Amino acid sequence: MKDKESTILFLDDQGQEIEFMVLEQTTLAGTNYLLVADSVEEDGTVLIMKEISLDGEYVSYEIVEDEEELEIISKIFNELIEDFDLTV
């Protein structure tokens, strides 16, 4: 059973909706970050997304692609989640 509060819809470049499960959330230097996965299976995709804008009740996120930022945030998520090893 899915908890809708723990999922996020992401629009890809073609405008198709992709649903991600939110595994964890953190804030660093005033920026909100989400650790999301498209599947609970081992071969699923895991991404780190950061909040880029807040418009009323809608929030926009983008995938973190900067290597240095990814390394810093992945270390934080590794500390927050037991038995989880996120490597960049």
Protein backbone atom coordinates (compact mmCIF):
# COMPACT_ATOMS: atom_id res chain seq x y z
CA MET A 1 0.00 0.00 0.00
CA LYS A 2 1.42 3.40 -0.99
CA ASP A 3 1.35 6.38 1.30
CA LYS A 4 0.67 9.35 -0.98
CA GLU A 5 2.51 11.65 1.43
CA SER A 6 5.69 9.67 0.79
CA THR A 7 5.61 9.91 -3.01
CA ILE A 8 6.46 12.68 -5.43
CA LEU A 9 5.56 13.11 -9.09
CA PHE A 10 8.37 14.14 -11.40
CA LEU A 11 7.86 15.31 -15.00
CA ASP A 12 10.53 14.07 -17.41
CA ASP A 13 11.71 15.94 -20.52
CA GLN A 14 8.77 14.54 -22.52
CA GLY A 15 6.24 15.68 -19.89
CA GLN A 16 5.50 12.16 -18.66
CA GLU A 17 4.86 11.73 -14.95
CA ILE A 18 7.17 9.42 -13.00
CA GLU A 19 6.27 8.57 -9.43
CA PHE A 20 9.13 8.36 -6.93
CA MET A 21 8.99 7.15 -3.35
CA VAL A 22 10.52 9.58 -0.88
CA LEU A 23 13.02 7.63 1.23
CA GLU A 24 14.35 10.55 3.29
CA GLN A 25 14.40 14.34 3.45
CA THR A 26 16.99 16.77 4.80
CA THR A 27 17.77 20.48 4.74
CA LEU A 28 21.25 21.92 4.27
CA ALA A 29 22.01 25.65 4.22
CA GLY A 30 18.30 26.41 3.80
CA THR A 31 17.86 24.09 0.80
CA ASN A 32 15.56 21.07 1.04
CA TYR A 33 16.76 17.78 -0.42
CA LEU A 34 14.89 14.53 -1.08
CA LEU A 35 16.28 11.03 -1.50
CA VAL A 36 13.86 9.28 -3.86
CA ALA A 37 13.60 5.88 -5.57
CA ASP A 38 11.46 4.60 -8.43
CA SER A 39 11.34 1.08 -6.98
CA VAL A 40 11.99 -0.83 -3.78
CA GLU A 41 13.88 -3.45 -5.80
CA GLU A 42 17.68 -3.51 -5.71
CA ASP A 43 17.93 -2.53 -9.38
CA GLY A 44 15.72 0.55 -8.92
CA THR A 45 16.91 4.08 -9.56
CA VAL A 46 17.80 6.28 -6.57
CA LEU A 47 18.13 10.04 -7.02
CA ILE A 48 18.82 13.06 -4.89
CA MET A 49 16.57 15.99 -5.73
CA LYS A 50 16.71 19.54 -4.42
CA GLU A 51 13.95 22.08 -4.03
CA ILE A 52 14.33 24.93 -6.49
CA SER A 53 11.07 26.83 -6.01
CA LEU A 54 7.96 26.99 -3.89
CA ASP A 55 4.79 28.41 -5.49
CA GLY A 56 1.81 28.21 -3.18
CA GLU A 57 1.14 24.52 -2.56
CA TYR A 58 3.40 23.39 -5.45
CA VAL A 59 7.10 22.67 -5.05
CA SER A 60 9.59 22.24 -7.89
CA TYR A 61 12.60 19.95 -7.59
CA GLU A 62 15.53 19.19 -9.85
CA ILE A 63 17.92 16.27 -9.86
CA VAL A 64 21.23 17.12 -8.20
CA GLU A 65 23.97 16.61 -10.79
CA ASP A 66 26.88 18.58 -9.31
CA GLU A 67 29.47 16.02 -8.12
CA GLU A 68 30.55 17.97 -5.03
CA GLU A 69 26.98 18.66 -3.94
CA LEU A 70 26.04 15.00 -4.52
CA GLU A 71 28.92 13.80 -2.38
CA ILE A 72 28.02 16.09 0.52
CA ILE A 73 24.31 15.28 0.47
CA SER A 74 24.83 11.53 -0.03
CA LYS A 75 26.98 11.45 3.13
CA ILE A 76 24.15 13.08 5.07
CA PHE A 77 21.58 10.59 3.73
CA ASN A 78 23.90 7.68 4.58
CA GLU A 79 23.98 8.91 8.18
CA LEU A 80 20.20 9.37 8.32
CA ILE A 81 19.24 5.95 6.94
CA GLU A 82 20.35 2.77 8.70
CA ASP A 83 21.60 -0.09 6.51
CA PHE A 84 21.82 2.17 3.46
CA ASP A 85 24.96 2.87 1.46
CA LEU A 86 24.55 5.57 -1.16
CA THR A 87 27.66 5.98 -3.28
CA VAL A 88 28.16 8.58 -5.99
